[in-house]
Structures are given as structure tokens and as C-alpha cells.
Amino acid sequence: MIAPDQVVAPARDAVLFRSSPVRTFVTVFVLLMLSFGLVSPIMALIVGGTGNPWWHTALQAAAVAVLGAGCFAWSARGSLNTWVRVSSGGLELAAQDSDPILLAWTDIASVRVRRARLRNVLDVTPVDLDSVHPVQGERVGWPTMTETPDGPGFTADLSEIWPGPRRLRRELAKHLRQTEG
């Protein structure tokens, strides 16, 4: 897969969104530790205490959090590199270790960030598949194709994208408004 650092951005205002298993691991680990820390005292009150010292419970929480966060962050789908770059020059997408593609805003029929169970997914439908430009020489091929209401399009798992799907939605909306107006 071609890294975003190896590709020249189509415009200076480019905002890069990329997968980060390490950030995802840290986030899930902290959330699991916090939830364990909140639930443990409540459960100890309900069952009348566990008889273990507090550090024993903390070690159990850390073990569970490391295993849970590790499984989530380095799952088969999550460990594949994904990046999206949004700029006034268009939308670049390399999903799940694919070659990056570039679509100018005028060549995009629809872009949607949606929830699919526990994941966030990006669907990009080009006006015509002939308007899709490989950013550099093709090695692996295009991102995963899907059937959208507007026709065939590309899909990308955004589960580990940073800064996050909410920020990606804002960037997409900003550039789509500019092309409409």
C-alpha cells in the first residue's frame, strides 16, 4: 500500500484522516479501565465485597483491558491501513490496504458516512467509474466496491480513522457545499 506521505496532496488545504491501531488501542484501553473502575465498587457493594485487595482488582482490570483493546485494535479488518484525504482538489481514498484513488468533487455523485453495526463506514459513489484516477501506479487495485443507491461505489471502514468520522463528515460537507454553490 502507498502511504499518504508518499503521495503529493492535490491542494494545500488537504486534511488527512488515517487509521491508527495504537490510538485505537489506547482509547479502548482507557475506556475499559474506566468502566471497570466504575463497575467494580458497585459490584463489590452488591455481593458484599470480594475479599481481594484493591490492587488485585486493578491487575484484573488491566489484563482484561489489554486483551479487549488488543483484540479490537488489531482485529483482521481493523489492522488494514486506511486513509482519506479531503481537499479542494478532491477526495483521495485508500481503504484496507488498497491503492489510493482520487476523485474530483465534480466527479462524485454521493458521499456518505454511515453506521454499520459498531463500525463507521464511508461510501463514495463516483458519477462514472471512468472518472476515478489512480494516484500512482496500480499494484493492489482499487478500494472495495459496493452497491449504493446511486450505483457502484467505494467503501471504507472508518473504525480506526483519526481525527474521527465526525470531523470527516464536517470536512466533506464543507467541500460539497463549495461545489454546489
N, C-alpha and C. Protein backbone atom coordinates (compact mmCIF):
# COMPACT_ATOMS: atom_id res chain seq x y z
N MET A 1 0.84 -1.19 0.00
CA MET A 1 0.00 0.00 0.00
C MET A 1 0.88 1.25 0.00
N ILE A 2 0.43 2.24 -0.69
CA ILE A 2 1.15 3.51 -0.76
C ILE A 2 0.71 4.37 0.43
N ALA A 3 1.66 4.86 1.20
CA ALA A 3 1.36 5.70 2.36
C ALA A 3 0.99 7.10 1.89
N PRO A 4 0.18 7.82 2.67
CA PRO A 4 -0.21 9.18 2.26
C PRO A 4 0.99 10.13 2.18
N ASP A 5 2.05 9.84 2.92
CA ASP A 5 3.24 10.68 2.87
C ASP A 5 3.96 10.55 1.53
N GLN A 6 3.71 9.47 0.79
CA GLN A 6 4.36 9.23 -0.49
C GLN A 6 3.58 9.85 -1.65
N VAL A 7 2.43 10.42 -1.35
CA VAL A 7 1.56 10.99 -2.37
C VAL A 7 1.45 12.49 -2.15
N VAL A 8 1.67 13.25 -3.18
CA VAL A 8 1.55 14.70 -3.10
C VAL A 8 0.06 15.05 -3.02
N ALA A 9 -0.31 15.86 -2.04
CA ALA A 9 -1.70 16.27 -1.88
C ALA A 9 -2.14 17.11 -3.08
N PRO A 10 -3.39 16.94 -3.52
CA PRO A 10 -3.86 17.69 -4.70
C PRO A 10 -4.06 19.18 -4.43
N ALA A 11 -4.08 19.59 -3.17
CA ALA A 11 -4.25 21.01 -2.82
C ALA A 11 -3.62 21.26 -1.46
N ARG A 12 -3.34 22.53 -1.18
CA ARG A 12 -2.68 22.89 0.09
C ARG A 12 -3.58 22.76 1.31
N ASP A 13 -4.88 22.80 1.12
CA ASP A 13 -5.81 22.74 2.25
C ASP A 13 -6.19 21.32 2.63
N ALA A 14 -5.38 20.36 2.26
CA ALA A 14 -5.70 18.94 2.49
C ALA A 14 -5.73 18.60 3.99
N VAL A 15 -6.73 17.81 4.35
CA VAL A 15 -6.86 17.29 5.71
C VAL A 15 -6.79 15.77 5.60
N LEU A 16 -5.86 15.17 6.34
CA LEU A 16 -5.61 13.74 6.25
C LEU A 16 -6.28 13.01 7.41
N PHE A 17 -6.98 11.94 7.08
CA PHE A 17 -7.59 11.05 8.06
C PHE A 17 -6.96 9.68 7.83
N ARG A 18 -6.37 9.10 8.86
CA ARG A 18 -5.71 7.81 8.68
C ARG A 18 -5.96 6.89 9.85
N SER A 19 -5.90 5.58 9.56
CA SER A 19 -6.11 4.60 10.61
C SER A 19 -4.91 4.57 11.55
N SER A 20 -5.18 4.33 12.83
CA SER A 20 -4.13 4.28 13.82
C SER A 20 -4.49 3.23 14.87
N PRO A 21 -3.98 2.01 14.71
CA PRO A 21 -4.27 0.97 15.71
C PRO A 21 -3.76 1.33 17.11
N VAL A 22 -2.66 2.07 17.20
CA VAL A 22 -2.12 2.42 18.52
C VAL A 22 -3.06 3.38 19.24
N ARG A 23 -3.54 4.41 18.54
CA ARG A 23 -4.50 5.34 19.16
C ARG A 23 -5.79 4.61 19.54
N THR A 24 -6.23 3.72 18.68
CA THR A 24 -7.44 2.97 18.98
C THR A 24 -7.22 2.09 20.21
N PHE A 25 -6.07 1.42 20.30
CA PHE A 25 -5.76 0.60 21.46
C PHE A 25 -5.81 1.43 22.74
N VAL A 26 -5.14 2.58 22.74
CA VAL A 26 -5.10 3.43 23.93
C VAL A 26 -6.50 3.89 24.32
N THR A 27 -7.30 4.30 23.36
CA THR A 27 -8.66 4.78 23.64
C THR A 27 -9.52 3.67 24.24
N VAL A 28 -9.51 2.49 23.62
CA VAL A 28 -10.31 1.37 24.13
C VAL A 28 -9.79 0.92 25.49
N PHE A 29 -8.48 0.90 25.68
CA PHE A 29 -7.90 0.52 26.97
C PHE A 29 -8.38 1.45 28.08
N VAL A 30 -8.31 2.76 27.84
CA VAL A 30 -8.76 3.74 28.84
C VAL A 30 -10.25 3.59 29.12
N LEU A 31 -11.05 3.41 28.09
CA LEU A 31 -12.50 3.24 28.30
C LEU A 31 -12.81 1.98 29.11
N LEU A 32 -12.11 0.89 28.82
CA LEU A 32 -12.32 -0.34 29.58
C LEU A 32 -11.87 -0.19 31.03
N MET A 33 -10.76 0.47 31.26
CA MET A 33 -10.28 0.69 32.63
C MET A 33 -11.26 1.56 33.41
N LEU A 34 -11.76 2.63 32.76
CA LEU A 34 -12.74 3.49 33.43
C LEU A 34 -14.03 2.74 33.76
N SER A 35 -14.51 1.96 32.81
CA SER A 35 -15.75 1.21 33.06
C SER A 35 -15.53 0.16 34.15
N PHE A 36 -14.39 -0.50 34.15
CA PHE A 36 -14.08 -1.47 35.20
C PHE A 36 -13.99 -0.77 36.55
N GLY A 37 -13.35 0.40 36.57
CA GLY A 37 -13.22 1.17 37.80
C GLY A 37 -14.55 1.66 38.35
N LEU A 38 -15.49 1.94 37.48
CA LEU A 38 -16.82 2.38 37.92
C LEU A 38 -17.70 1.21 38.35
N VAL A 39 -17.60 0.09 37.68
CA VAL A 39 -18.47 -1.05 37.96
C VAL A 39 -17.99 -1.87 39.15
N SER A 40 -16.68 -1.98 39.34
CA SER A 40 -16.14 -2.82 40.42
C SER A 40 -16.65 -2.44 41.81
N PRO A 41 -16.61 -1.16 42.20
CA PRO A 41 -17.12 -0.84 43.54
C PRO A 41 -18.62 -1.12 43.69
N ILE A 42 -19.36 -0.91 42.63
CA ILE A 42 -20.81 -1.18 42.69
C ILE A 42 -21.05 -2.67 42.88
N MET A 43 -20.33 -3.48 42.13
CA MET A 43 -20.48 -4.93 42.26
C MET A 43 -20.00 -5.42 43.62
N ALA A 44 -18.94 -4.81 44.16
CA ALA A 44 -18.45 -5.20 45.49
C ALA A 44 -19.50 -4.90 46.55
N LEU A 45 -20.22 -3.79 46.39
CA LEU A 45 -21.30 -3.46 47.34
C LEU A 45 -22.45 -4.45 47.21
N ILE A 46 -22.78 -4.82 45.99
CA ILE A 46 -23.91 -5.74 45.76
C ILE A 46 -23.62 -7.13 46.33
N VAL A 47 -22.42 -7.64 46.09
CA VAL A 47 -22.10 -9.00 46.53
C VAL A 47 -21.47 -9.05 47.92
N GLY A 48 -21.29 -7.91 48.55
CA GLY A 48 -20.75 -7.88 49.91
C GLY A 48 -19.23 -7.93 49.97
N GLY A 49 -18.55 -7.47 48.96
CA GLY A 49 -17.08 -7.44 48.94
C GLY A 49 -16.50 -8.71 48.35
N THR A 50 -15.31 -8.58 47.78
CA THR A 50 -14.67 -9.73 47.15
C THR A 50 -13.61 -10.36 48.04
N GLY A 51 -13.13 -9.64 49.03
CA GLY A 51 -12.08 -10.15 49.90
C GLY A 51 -10.69 -9.97 49.32
N ASN A 52 -10.58 -9.41 48.14
CA ASN A 52 -9.29 -9.17 47.49
C ASN A 52 -8.86 -7.73 47.74
N PRO A 53 -7.55 -7.48 47.80
CA PRO A 53 -7.10 -6.09 47.91
C PRO A 53 -7.39 -5.32 46.62
N TRP A 54 -7.41 -3.99 46.69
CA TRP A 54 -7.75 -3.15 45.54
C TRP A 54 -6.81 -3.37 44.37
N TRP A 55 -5.52 -3.61 44.65
CA TRP A 55 -4.55 -3.78 43.57
C TRP A 55 -4.80 -5.07 42.79
N HIS A 56 -5.40 -6.05 43.43
CA HIS A 56 -5.74 -7.29 42.73
C HIS A 56 -6.80 -7.02 41.67
N THR A 57 -7.79 -6.22 42.04
CA THR A 57 -8.85 -5.84 41.11
C THR A 57 -8.28 -4.98 39.98
N ALA A 58 -7.33 -4.10 40.30
CA ALA A 58 -6.70 -3.26 39.28
C ALA A 58 -5.91 -4.11 38.28
N LEU A 59 -5.23 -5.13 38.75
CA LEU A 59 -4.50 -6.02 37.85
C LEU A 59 -5.45 -6.80 36.93
N GLN A 60 -6.56 -7.24 37.49
CA GLN A 60 -7.56 -7.93 36.66
C GLN A 60 -8.11 -6.99 35.59
N ALA A 61 -8.40 -5.76 36.00
CA ALA A 61 -8.92 -4.77 35.05
C ALA A 61 -7.91 -4.51 33.94
N ALA A 62 -6.63 -4.37 34.30
CA ALA A 62 -5.60 -4.11 33.29
C ALA A 62 -5.48 -5.28 32.32
N ALA A 63 -5.55 -6.51 32.84
CA ALA A 63 -5.44 -7.68 31.96
C ALA A 63 -6.61 -7.75 30.99
N VAL A 64 -7.81 -7.51 31.50
CA VAL A 64 -8.99 -7.53 30.64
C VAL A 64 -8.92 -6.40 29.61
N ALA A 65 -8.50 -5.21 30.04
CA ALA A 65 -8.42 -4.06 29.14
C ALA A 65 -7.38 -4.27 28.05
N VAL A 66 -6.23 -4.84 28.39
CA VAL A 66 -5.18 -5.09 27.39
C VAL A 66 -5.68 -6.10 26.36
N LEU A 67 -6.29 -7.18 26.83
CA LEU A 67 -6.80 -8.19 25.89
C LEU A 67 -7.93 -7.63 25.02
N GLY A 68 -8.87 -6.94 25.64
CA GLY A 68 -10.00 -6.39 24.88
C GLY A 68 -9.57 -5.34 23.87
N ALA A 69 -8.73 -4.40 24.31
CA ALA A 69 -8.26 -3.35 23.42
C ALA A 69 -7.38 -3.92 22.31
N GLY A 70 -6.55 -4.90 22.65
CA GLY A 70 -5.69 -5.53 21.65
C GLY A 70 -6.49 -6.25 20.58
N CYS A 71 -7.49 -7.01 21.01
CA CYS A 71 -8.34 -7.72 20.04
C CYS A 71 -9.07 -6.75 19.14
N PHE A 72 -9.56 -5.64 19.70
CA PHE A 72 -10.31 -4.67 18.90
C PHE A 72 -9.39 -3.92 17.93
N ALA A 73 -8.25 -3.44 18.43
CA ALA A 73 -7.37 -2.61 17.61
C ALA A 73 -6.66 -3.39 16.51
N TRP A 74 -6.32 -4.64 16.78
CA TRP A 74 -5.58 -5.41 15.78
C TRP A 74 -6.39 -6.57 15.23
N SER A 75 -7.70 -6.34 15.13
CA SER A 75 -8.56 -7.34 14.50
C SER A 75 -8.19 -7.43 13.02
N ALA A 76 -8.65 -8.47 12.37
CA ALA A 76 -8.29 -8.69 10.97
C ALA A 76 -8.64 -7.50 10.10
N ARG A 77 -9.83 -6.93 10.26
CA ARG A 77 -10.25 -5.80 9.43
C ARG A 77 -9.63 -4.50 9.90
N GLY A 78 -9.52 -4.34 11.20
CA GLY A 78 -9.01 -3.10 11.75
C GLY A 78 -7.53 -2.88 11.51
N SER A 79 -6.77 -3.95 11.33
CA SER A 79 -5.33 -3.79 11.17
C SER A 79 -4.93 -3.37 9.76
N LEU A 80 -5.86 -3.34 8.84
CA LEU A 80 -5.56 -2.92 7.47
C LEU A 80 -5.52 -1.40 7.38
N ASN A 81 -4.50 -0.88 6.73
CA ASN A 81 -4.32 0.57 6.62
C ASN A 81 -5.40 1.20 5.76
N THR A 82 -5.93 2.31 6.25
CA THR A 82 -6.91 3.09 5.52
C THR A 82 -6.56 4.56 5.69
N TRP A 83 -6.66 5.32 4.62
CA TRP A 83 -6.52 6.77 4.76
C TRP A 83 -7.41 7.48 3.75
N VAL A 84 -7.88 8.65 4.17
CA VAL A 84 -8.74 9.50 3.35
C VAL A 84 -8.15 10.90 3.44
N ARG A 85 -8.01 11.56 2.30
CA ARG A 85 -7.54 12.94 2.29
C ARG A 85 -8.57 13.79 1.56
N VAL A 86 -9.03 14.82 2.26
CA VAL A 86 -10.05 15.72 1.74
C VAL A 86 -9.40 17.08 1.50
N SER A 87 -9.60 17.61 0.29
CA SER A 87 -9.05 18.92 -0.04
C SER A 87 -9.91 19.56 -1.12
N SER A 88 -9.59 20.80 -1.46
CA SER A 88 -10.34 21.46 -2.53
C SER A 88 -10.06 20.78 -3.87
N GLY A 89 -8.99 20.01 -3.97
CA GLY A 89 -8.67 19.28 -5.19
C GLY A 89 -9.46 18.00 -5.38
N GLY A 90 -10.12 17.54 -4.32
CA GLY A 90 -10.93 16.33 -4.42
C GLY A 90 -10.79 15.43 -3.21
N LEU A 91 -11.21 14.21 -3.38
CA LEU A 91 -11.20 13.21 -2.32
C LEU A 91 -10.27 12.08 -2.71
N GLU A 92 -9.27 11.81 -1.88
CA GLU A 92 -8.37 10.69 -2.09
C GLU A 92 -8.75 9.60 -1.10
N LEU A 93 -8.71 8.36 -1.54
CA LEU A 93 -9.13 7.25 -0.70
C LEU A 93 -8.24 6.03 -0.95
N ALA A 94 -7.72 5.46 0.12
CA ALA A 94 -7.00 4.18 0.09
C ALA A 94 -7.56 3.38 1.25
N ALA A 95 -8.38 2.39 0.96
CA ALA A 95 -9.09 1.67 2.01
C ALA A 95 -8.64 0.22 2.12
N GLN A 96 -8.37 -0.20 3.34
CA GLN A 96 -7.99 -1.58 3.65
C GLN A 96 -6.86 -2.07 2.74
N ASP A 97 -5.76 -1.33 2.74
CA ASP A 97 -4.53 -1.68 2.01
C ASP A 97 -4.67 -1.62 0.49
N SER A 98 -5.61 -0.86 -0.04
CA SER A 98 -5.75 -0.73 -1.50
C SER A 98 -4.82 0.37 -2.01
N ASP A 99 -4.74 0.48 -3.32
CA ASP A 99 -4.05 1.61 -3.92
C ASP A 99 -4.92 2.84 -3.77
N PRO A 100 -4.32 4.02 -3.61
CA PRO A 100 -5.12 5.24 -3.48
C PRO A 100 -5.74 5.67 -4.80
N ILE A 101 -6.94 6.22 -4.70
CA ILE A 101 -7.63 6.78 -5.86
C ILE A 101 -7.96 8.24 -5.57
N LEU A 102 -8.19 8.99 -6.61
CA LEU A 102 -8.54 10.40 -6.49
C LEU A 102 -9.80 10.66 -7.29
N LEU A 103 -10.73 11.35 -6.66
CA LEU A 103 -11.95 11.79 -7.34
C LEU A 103 -12.10 13.30 -7.14
N ALA A 104 -12.24 14.03 -8.22
CA ALA A 104 -12.55 15.46 -8.12
C ALA A 104 -13.97 15.60 -7.60
N TRP A 105 -14.28 16.69 -6.93
CA TRP A 105 -15.61 16.87 -6.33
C TRP A 105 -16.71 16.81 -7.39
N THR A 106 -16.42 17.28 -8.58
CA THR A 106 -17.44 17.24 -9.65
C THR A 106 -17.68 15.82 -10.16
N ASP A 107 -16.75 14.91 -9.86
CA ASP A 107 -16.87 13.52 -10.31
C ASP A 107 -17.53 12.62 -9.26
N ILE A 108 -18.00 13.21 -8.17
CA ILE A 108 -18.61 12.42 -7.09
C ILE A 108 -20.12 12.61 -7.12
N ALA A 109 -20.84 11.50 -7.24
CA ALA A 109 -22.31 11.55 -7.22
C ALA A 109 -22.81 11.66 -5.79
N SER A 110 -22.21 10.92 -4.87
CA SER A 110 -22.61 11.00 -3.46
C SER A 110 -21.48 10.51 -2.56
N VAL A 111 -21.44 11.08 -1.37
CA VAL A 111 -20.51 10.67 -0.31
C VAL A 111 -21.32 10.57 0.97
N ARG A 112 -21.14 9.45 1.67
CA ARG A 112 -21.92 9.26 2.89
C ARG A 112 -21.08 8.54 3.94
N VAL A 113 -21.10 9.08 5.15
CA VAL A 113 -20.52 8.39 6.31
C VAL A 113 -21.70 7.83 7.08
N ARG A 114 -21.72 6.51 7.25
CA ARG A 114 -22.86 5.88 7.91
C ARG A 114 -22.39 4.87 8.95
N ARG A 115 -23.31 4.48 9.81
CA ARG A 115 -23.04 3.45 10.80
C ARG A 115 -23.45 2.10 10.23
N ALA A 116 -22.60 1.10 10.42
CA ALA A 116 -22.90 -0.28 10.07
C ALA A 116 -22.58 -1.10 11.32
N ARG A 117 -23.59 -1.36 12.11
CA ARG A 117 -23.44 -2.01 13.42
C ARG A 117 -22.53 -1.17 14.30
N LEU A 118 -21.36 -1.68 14.67
CA LEU A 118 -20.45 -0.94 15.55
C LEU A 118 -19.41 -0.12 14.79
N ARG A 119 -19.45 -0.17 13.47
CA ARG A 119 -18.44 0.50 12.66
C ARG A 119 -19.01 1.73 11.97
N ASN A 120 -18.12 2.65 11.66
CA ASN A 120 -18.43 3.77 10.77
C ASN A 120 -17.88 3.42 9.40
N VAL A 121 -18.66 3.68 8.37
CA VAL A 121 -18.28 3.31 7.00
C VAL A 121 -18.45 4.53 6.09
N LEU A 122 -17.50 4.70 5.18
CA LEU A 122 -17.57 5.75 4.17
C LEU A 122 -17.95 5.12 2.85
N ASP A 123 -19.00 5.65 2.22
CA ASP A 123 -19.41 5.22 0.88
C ASP A 123 -19.22 6.38 -0.07
N VAL A 124 -18.45 6.17 -1.13
CA VAL A 124 -18.21 7.20 -2.14
C VAL A 124 -18.66 6.64 -3.48
N THR A 125 -19.62 7.33 -4.10
CA THR A 125 -20.14 6.90 -5.40
C THR A 125 -19.70 7.90 -6.47
N PRO A 126 -18.88 7.45 -7.42
CA PRO A 126 -18.48 8.36 -8.50
C PRO A 126 -19.60 8.52 -9.52
N VAL A 127 -19.59 9.64 -10.23
CA VAL A 127 -20.55 9.87 -11.31
C VAL A 127 -20.39 8.77 -12.35
N ASP A 128 -19.13 8.47 -12.66
CA ASP A 128 -18.80 7.43 -13.64
C ASP A 128 -17.49 6.80 -13.18
N LEU A 129 -17.38 5.49 -13.28
CA LEU A 129 -16.16 4.82 -12.85
C LEU A 129 -14.94 5.23 -13.68
N ASP A 130 -15.18 5.77 -14.88
CA ASP A 130 -14.07 6.26 -15.70
C ASP A 130 -13.46 7.54 -15.14
N SER A 131 -14.17 8.22 -14.22
CA SER A 131 -13.66 9.45 -13.63
C SER A 131 -12.76 9.18 -12.42
N VAL A 132 -12.57 7.92 -12.06
CA VAL A 132 -11.71 7.54 -10.94
C VAL A 132 -10.27 7.49 -11.44
N HIS A 133 -9.39 8.21 -10.76
CA HIS A 133 -8.00 8.27 -11.17
C HIS A 133 -7.11 7.59 -10.13
N PRO A 134 -6.31 6.61 -10.54
CA PRO A 134 -5.33 6.07 -9.59
C PRO A 134 -4.29 7.15 -9.28
N VAL A 135 -3.92 7.29 -8.02
CA VAL A 135 -2.98 8.34 -7.64
C VAL A 135 -1.58 8.01 -8.12
N GLN A 136 -1.18 6.75 -8.01
CA GLN A 136 0.10 6.29 -8.53
C GLN A 136 -0.14 4.94 -9.18
N GLY A 137 0.90 4.36 -9.76
CA GLY A 137 0.76 3.09 -10.46
C GLY A 137 0.02 2.05 -9.63
N GLU A 138 -0.87 1.31 -10.26
CA GLU A 138 -1.67 0.32 -9.55
C GLU A 138 -0.85 -0.93 -9.26
N ARG A 139 -0.91 -1.36 -8.00
CA ARG A 139 -0.27 -2.60 -7.58
C ARG A 139 -1.33 -3.56 -7.06
N VAL A 140 -2.08 -3.09 -6.08
CA VAL A 140 -3.07 -3.94 -5.41
C VAL A 140 -4.44 -3.81 -6.06
N GLY A 141 -4.82 -2.61 -6.42
CA GLY A 141 -6.14 -2.37 -7.01
C GLY A 141 -6.93 -1.35 -6.22
N TRP A 142 -8.11 -1.07 -6.69
CA TRP A 142 -8.97 -0.07 -6.08
C TRP A 142 -9.49 -0.51 -4.72
N PRO A 143 -10.04 0.47 -3.97
CA PRO A 143 -10.71 0.10 -2.71
C PRO A 143 -11.91 -0.81 -2.97
N THR A 144 -12.40 -1.41 -1.92
CA THR A 144 -13.54 -2.32 -2.02
C THR A 144 -14.74 -1.63 -2.65
N MET A 145 -15.37 -2.31 -3.59
CA MET A 145 -16.55 -1.77 -4.26
C MET A 145 -17.81 -2.24 -3.53
N THR A 146 -18.84 -1.42 -3.60
CA THR A 146 -20.13 -1.75 -3.01
C THR A 146 -21.24 -1.21 -3.91
N GLU A 147 -22.43 -1.70 -3.72
CA GLU A 147 -23.58 -1.18 -4.48
C GLU A 147 -24.32 -0.20 -3.59
N THR A 148 -24.39 1.05 -4.01
CA THR A 148 -25.09 2.09 -3.28
C THR A 148 -26.39 2.43 -4.02
N PRO A 149 -27.28 3.20 -3.39
CA PRO A 149 -28.50 3.61 -4.10
C PRO A 149 -28.22 4.42 -5.37
N ASP A 150 -27.04 5.07 -5.44
CA ASP A 150 -26.67 5.87 -6.61
C ASP A 150 -25.86 5.09 -7.64
N GLY A 151 -25.60 3.81 -7.36
CA GLY A 151 -24.81 2.98 -8.29
C GLY A 151 -23.59 2.40 -7.60
N PRO A 152 -22.68 1.83 -8.40
CA PRO A 152 -21.48 1.23 -7.79
C PRO A 152 -20.59 2.31 -7.18
N GLY A 153 -20.05 1.99 -6.01
CA GLY A 153 -19.20 2.95 -5.32
C GLY A 153 -18.12 2.25 -4.52
N PHE A 154 -17.35 3.04 -3.81
CA PHE A 154 -16.26 2.53 -2.99
C PHE A 154 -16.67 2.62 -1.53
N THR A 155 -16.17 1.69 -0.73
CA THR A 155 -16.48 1.69 0.69
C THR A 155 -15.20 1.57 1.50
N ALA A 156 -15.18 2.20 2.66
CA ALA A 156 -14.01 2.16 3.54
C ALA A 156 -14.48 2.08 4.99
N ASP A 157 -13.84 1.21 5.74
CA ASP A 157 -14.10 1.08 7.18
C ASP A 157 -13.38 2.22 7.89
N LEU A 158 -14.13 3.02 8.63
CA LEU A 158 -13.56 4.17 9.33
C LEU A 158 -13.39 3.92 10.83
N SER A 159 -13.41 2.67 11.26
CA SER A 159 -13.37 2.35 12.68
C SER A 159 -12.16 2.93 13.40
N GLU A 160 -11.02 2.96 12.74
CA GLU A 160 -9.80 3.43 13.40
C GLU A 160 -9.28 4.74 12.81
N ILE A 161 -10.12 5.46 12.08
CA ILE A 161 -9.71 6.71 11.46
C ILE A 161 -9.58 7.80 12.53
N TRP A 162 -8.47 8.52 12.46
CA TRP A 162 -8.25 9.67 13.33
C TRP A 162 -7.99 10.88 12.47
N PRO A 163 -8.52 12.01 12.71
CA PRO A 163 -9.18 12.55 13.87
C PRO A 163 -10.56 11.96 14.15
N GLY A 164 -11.28 11.41 13.26
CA GLY A 164 -12.56 10.76 13.57
C GLY A 164 -13.61 10.98 12.51
N PRO A 165 -14.64 10.12 12.48
CA PRO A 165 -15.70 10.23 11.47
C PRO A 165 -16.49 11.52 11.55
N ARG A 166 -16.68 12.07 12.74
CA ARG A 166 -17.43 13.32 12.87
C ARG A 166 -16.70 14.46 12.17
N ARG A 167 -15.40 14.54 12.35
CA ARG A 167 -14.60 15.57 11.69
C ARG A 167 -14.58 15.35 10.18
N LEU A 168 -14.52 14.08 9.76
CA LEU A 168 -14.56 13.76 8.33
C LEU A 168 -15.87 14.23 7.72
N ARG A 169 -16.98 14.01 8.41
CA ARG A 169 -18.28 14.49 7.92
C ARG A 169 -18.27 16.00 7.71
N ARG A 170 -17.70 16.74 8.68
CA ARG A 170 -17.64 18.20 8.56
C ARG A 170 -16.80 18.63 7.37
N GLU A 171 -15.65 17.98 7.16
CA GLU A 171 -14.80 18.33 6.02
C GLU A 171 -15.49 18.02 4.70
N LEU A 172 -16.14 16.87 4.62
CA LEU A 172 -16.87 16.50 3.40
C LEU A 172 -17.99 17.50 3.12
N ALA A 173 -18.74 17.86 4.16
CA ALA A 173 -19.84 18.81 3.98
C ALA A 173 -19.33 20.16 3.51
N LYS A 174 -18.21 20.61 4.06
CA LYS A 174 -17.66 21.89 3.66
C LYS A 174 -17.30 21.90 2.18
N HIS A 175 -16.65 20.86 1.69
CA HIS A 175 -16.24 20.84 0.28
C HIS A 175 -17.42 20.56 -0.65
N LEU A 176 -18.38 19.78 -0.21
CA LEU A 176 -19.55 19.53 -1.05
C LEU A 176 -20.39 20.79 -1.19
N ARG A 177 -20.50 21.60 -0.14
CA ARG A 177 -21.22 22.88 -0.24
C ARG A 177 -20.55 23.81 -1.23
N GLN A 178 -19.20 23.81 -1.23
CA GLN A 178 -18.46 24.69 -2.14
C GLN A 178 -18.69 24.30 -3.60
N THR A 179 -18.82 23.01 -3.87
CA THR A 179 -19.02 22.58 -5.26
C THR A 179 -20.45 22.80 -5.71
N GLU A 180 -21.39 22.80 -4.76
CA GLU A 180 -22.79 23.03 -5.13
C GLU A 180 -23.07 24.50 -5.39
N GLY A 181 -22.42 25.38 -4.61
CA GLY A 181 -22.75 26.81 -4.68
C GLY A 181 -21.97 27.56 -5.64
